[in-house]
Protein backbone atom coordinates (compact mmCIF):
# COMPACT_ATOMS: atom_id res chain seq x y z
CA MET A 1 -19.54 -2.62 -25.68
CA MET A 2 -16.39 -3.51 -24.55
CA VAL A 3 -17.56 -3.84 -20.74
CA GLY A 4 -20.30 -6.35 -22.37
CA LEU A 5 -17.77 -8.56 -24.32
CA LEU A 6 -15.61 -8.96 -21.53
CA LEU A 7 -18.74 -10.08 -19.01
CA GLY A 8 -19.20 -12.39 -21.48
CA LEU A 9 -16.25 -13.69 -21.50
CA VAL A 10 -16.43 -13.85 -17.59
CA LEU A 11 -19.75 -16.21 -18.03
CA CYS A 12 -18.80 -18.10 -20.21
CA SER A 13 -15.74 -19.00 -18.34
CA SER A 14 -18.10 -19.58 -15.54
CA ALA A 15 -19.92 -21.74 -18.09
CA ARG A 16 -16.76 -24.11 -19.02
CA ALA A 17 -15.80 -24.69 -14.85
CA GLN A 18 -19.28 -26.31 -14.64
CA ASN A 19 -18.89 -28.44 -17.71
CA THR A 20 -15.71 -29.97 -17.13
CA THR A 21 -16.37 -33.43 -17.84
CA THR A 22 -17.18 -32.46 -21.70
CA ASP A 23 -14.92 -28.88 -22.38
CA VAL A 24 -12.03 -29.32 -20.43
CA LYS A 25 -10.04 -28.68 -23.50
CA LYS A 26 -11.24 -25.65 -24.28
CA ALA A 27 -11.21 -23.80 -21.04
CA PRO A 28 -9.09 -20.52 -20.93
CA ASP A 29 -5.44 -20.99 -19.38
CA LYS A 30 -4.94 -18.73 -16.08
CA LEU A 31 -1.98 -17.54 -15.57
CA PRO A 32 -1.04 -16.55 -11.68
CA VAL A 33 -0.42 -12.44 -11.85
CA SER A 34 1.78 -10.21 -10.18
CA TYR A 35 -0.07 -6.80 -10.33
CA GLY A 36 -0.07 -2.97 -8.99
CA LEU A 37 -3.71 -1.12 -8.02
CA VAL A 38 -2.74 2.22 -9.00
CA VAL A 39 -5.62 4.47 -7.78
CA ASP A 40 -6.22 8.30 -9.02
CA ASN A 41 -7.32 9.97 -5.33
CA SER A 42 -7.35 13.60 -6.70
CA GLY A 43 -9.82 16.04 -6.17
CA SER A 44 -11.79 15.07 -9.62
CA PHE A 45 -12.93 11.87 -7.82
CA ARG A 46 -14.32 13.60 -4.71
CA LEU A 47 -17.88 12.37 -5.27
CA LEU A 48 -16.67 8.90 -6.85
CA LEU A 49 -14.65 7.43 -3.94
CA ASP A 50 -17.10 5.33 -3.23
CA ARG A 51 -17.33 3.59 -6.48
CA VAL A 52 -13.66 3.74 -6.80
CA ILE A 53 -13.19 1.83 -3.21
CA THR A 54 -15.61 -0.81 -4.64
CA VAL A 55 -14.36 -1.54 -8.01
CA VAL A 56 -10.81 -1.77 -6.30
CA SER A 57 -12.16 -4.47 -3.98
CA GLU A 58 -13.91 -6.03 -6.50
CA VAL A 59 -10.96 -6.59 -8.45
CA VAL A 60 -9.21 -7.89 -5.09
CA GLU A 61 -11.57 -10.28 -4.71
CA GLY A 62 -10.67 -12.15 -7.99
CA ASN A 63 -7.28 -12.68 -6.81
CA GLN A 64 -6.28 -16.28 -6.43
CA GLY A 65 -4.24 -18.40 -4.30
CA GLU A 66 -0.79 -17.77 -6.76
CA ASP A 67 -1.03 -14.42 -6.94
CA GLU A 68 0.49 -11.07 -5.14
CA ALA A 69 -0.81 -7.55 -5.53
CA PHE A 70 -0.17 -3.76 -4.20
CA LEU A 71 -1.66 -0.72 -4.21
CA VAL A 72 -0.08 2.66 -4.78
CA THR A 73 -2.94 5.99 -4.76
CA PHE A 74 -1.84 8.92 -6.46
CA VAL A 75 -2.57 12.83 -6.87
CA ASP A 76 0.67 14.96 -7.98
CA THR A 77 4.01 13.10 -8.35
CA PRO A 78 5.04 14.39 -4.44
CA LYS A 79 1.18 12.46 -3.27
CA ILE A 80 2.47 9.45 -5.03
CA ILE A 81 2.12 6.87 -2.32
CA LEU A 82 2.84 2.97 -1.85
CA ARG A 83 -0.36 2.18 0.41
CA GLN A 84 0.47 -1.48 0.60
CA GLU A 85 3.93 -3.17 -0.71
CA PHE A 86 3.29 -6.89 -2.61
CA THR A 87 1.25 -9.10 -0.85
CA PHE A 88 -1.18 -12.34 -1.36
CA ARG A 89 -3.49 -11.79 1.55
CA LYS A 90 -6.90 -10.30 0.13
CA ALA A 91 -7.23 -8.52 3.59
CA GLU A 92 -4.63 -6.60 3.23
CA LEU A 93 -5.42 -4.90 0.05
CA HIS A 94 -9.06 -4.13 1.05
CA ASP A 95 -7.77 -2.35 4.25
CA ALA A 96 -5.63 -0.30 2.19
CA ALA A 97 -8.86 0.67 -0.16
CA GLU A 98 -10.94 1.54 2.30
CA SER A 99 -7.85 3.98 3.69
CA MET A 100 -7.87 5.61 0.44
CA PHE A 101 -9.04 9.76 0.92
CA ILE A 102 -9.13 12.43 -1.66
CA GLU A 103 -6.69 15.43 -2.02
CA GLY A 104 -5.81 18.28 -3.81
CA GLY A 105 -2.95 18.79 -6.04
CA GLN A 106 -2.38 18.37 -9.97
CA THR A 107 -2.75 14.44 -11.42
CA ALA A 108 0.12 13.12 -12.21
CA ILE A 109 -1.01 10.28 -14.24
CA LEU A 110 2.20 9.00 -16.50
CA ASP A 111 4.60 9.86 -13.32
CA ALA A 112 2.57 7.11 -10.97
CA VAL A 113 2.71 4.30 -13.68
CA ARG A 114 6.19 4.90 -14.38
CA SER A 115 7.09 4.31 -10.36
CA SER A 116 4.26 1.74 -9.87
CA ALA A 117 5.65 -0.65 -12.90
CA GLU A 118 9.35 0.70 -11.54
CA TYR A 119 8.02 -1.46 -8.12
CA LEU A 120 6.55 -3.92 -10.04
CA ALA A 121 9.52 -4.77 -11.78
CA LYS A 122 11.71 -4.52 -9.00
CA ASN A 123 9.96 -6.62 -6.83
CA ALA A 124 7.30 -9.16 -8.38
CA ARG A 125 7.89 -12.82 -8.08
CA THR A 126 9.35 -14.24 -11.42
CA ASP A 127 8.50 -18.42 -10.55
CA GLY A 128 6.85 -19.77 -13.52
CA ASP A 129 4.62 -18.25 -15.90
CA ARG A 130 3.56 -15.50 -14.70
CA SER A 131 1.77 -12.46 -15.93
CA ARG A 132 2.97 -8.92 -15.14
CA ALA A 133 -0.21 -5.94 -15.25
CA LEU A 134 -1.34 -2.38 -13.88
CA VAL A 135 -4.69 -1.73 -12.86
CA LEU A 136 -4.82 2.11 -13.55
CA VAL A 137 -7.94 3.59 -12.19
CA THR A 138 -8.19 7.06 -13.09
CA ASP A 139 -10.14 9.72 -15.83
CA GLY A 140 -7.00 10.41 -17.77
CA ASP A 141 -6.65 14.10 -17.29
CA ASP A 142 -2.89 14.40 -16.37
CA ARG A 143 -1.85 17.85 -15.59
CA GLU A 144 1.89 17.50 -14.24
CA SER A 145 3.87 14.58 -15.07
CA GLY A 146 7.16 14.56 -16.04
CA SER A 147 7.26 11.50 -17.59
CA LYS A 148 6.87 11.54 -21.21
CA ILE A 149 4.60 8.28 -22.21
CA ASP A 150 7.04 7.26 -24.95
CA ASP A 151 9.55 6.66 -22.34
CA VAL A 152 7.02 5.09 -19.69
CA LEU A 153 5.80 2.58 -22.84
CA LYS A 154 9.30 1.61 -23.27
CA PHE A 155 9.80 0.92 -19.87
CA LEU A 156 6.26 -1.06 -19.86
CA LYS A 157 7.36 -3.19 -22.58
CA GLU A 158 10.53 -3.88 -21.82
CA HIS A 159 9.18 -5.62 -18.30
CA ASN A 160 6.32 -7.17 -20.05
CA ILE A 161 3.74 -4.81 -17.94
CA ARG A 162 0.22 -4.35 -19.24
CA VAL A 163 -1.93 -1.89 -18.17
CA TYR A 164 -6.10 -2.32 -17.90
CA VAL A 165 -7.13 1.02 -17.61
CA ILE A 166 -10.95 1.33 -15.85
CA ALA A 167 -11.67 4.77 -16.29
CA MET A 168 -14.24 6.83 -14.24
CA ALA A 169 -15.17 10.52 -14.32
CA ASP A 170 -17.60 12.71 -12.77
CA GLY A 171 -17.84 14.76 -16.07
CA LYS A 172 -15.65 13.07 -19.40
CA VAL A 173 -13.13 10.84 -19.54
CA SER A 174 -9.79 11.91 -21.25
CA PRO A 175 -8.65 8.96 -23.27
CA LYS A 176 -5.82 10.00 -25.27
CA ILE A 177 -3.03 8.54 -22.44
CA LEU A 178 -4.95 6.23 -21.55
CA ASN A 179 -5.79 4.23 -25.07
CA ARG A 180 -1.94 4.25 -26.19
CA LEU A 181 -0.82 2.98 -22.51
CA THR A 182 -3.71 0.18 -23.03
CA LYS A 183 -3.42 -0.21 -26.63
CA GLU A 184 0.19 -0.37 -26.72
CA THR A 185 0.78 -2.63 -23.78
CA GLY A 186 -1.53 -4.97 -24.61
CA GLY A 187 -4.15 -4.65 -22.11
CA VAL A 188 -7.86 -2.89 -22.13
CA MET A 189 -9.82 0.33 -21.27
CA LEU A 190 -13.27 -0.02 -19.58
CA THR A 191 -15.67 2.66 -18.71
CA PRO A 192 -18.45 1.60 -16.11
CA LYS A 193 -21.35 3.53 -17.02
CA ASP A 194 -23.08 3.24 -13.21
CA LYS A 195 -22.55 1.42 -10.17
CA ALA A 196 -23.87 -1.63 -11.44
CA GLU A 197 -21.67 -2.13 -13.84
CA LEU A 198 -18.74 -2.20 -11.48
CA GLN A 199 -18.93 -5.79 -10.62
CA ALA A 200 -18.87 -6.85 -14.65
CA VAL A 201 -15.84 -4.16 -15.32
CA ALA A 202 -13.85 -5.91 -12.07
CA ASN A 203 -14.57 -9.49 -13.34
CA GLY A 204 -13.86 -8.80 -16.90
CA VAL A 205 -10.19 -6.79 -16.07
CA SER A 206 -8.88 -9.95 -13.68
CA LEU A 207 -9.95 -12.71 -16.11
CA ALA A 208 -8.07 -10.40 -18.78
CA MET A 209 -5.24 -9.91 -16.77
CA ARG A 210 -4.44 -13.95 -15.97
CA THR A 211 -5.59 -15.08 -19.68
CA LYS A 212 -2.66 -15.87 -22.17
């Protein structure tokens, strides 16, 4: 249902853009955004890696001229890796996404979110009215994080970072942590049911994190 709602917003936005002479005032304000892609590369994604790369690439394709993004991959805490630092170049982000690979280890979602949020808070541009966000791609099964969710949420709120989750799993998504990360920061969680929904989900996330 949420996928359909956000896809509808995307289509409405496109329709407004095509009718600027009569409906300019109703077009939503689109903010430039500084955001991080935080992507689960643990063993549970072995059969989904191609879909993960696709949805990350589709999010990147939504970047506008003033946007900047970085890419972090994670498994366990020692394997939280900054694959691409902040950049406005889509090609660099695409290359980083294509270089992702699956590794073994106990998944540390909260540690990855905290590490990524710290990098964003320290390095994001501060010019003008700019949105800050993390786009988290995971199944929600946190097995090893030392970080506590209340502490992570406190940091996110203090630095005005919204979390958007693209929830994917070979089996079932574990929603508990993901629901709190999204609802308490003003983000949203989307769960593509199949490969055909990946672009709609990516477009929905791109629109949502650029809208006031």
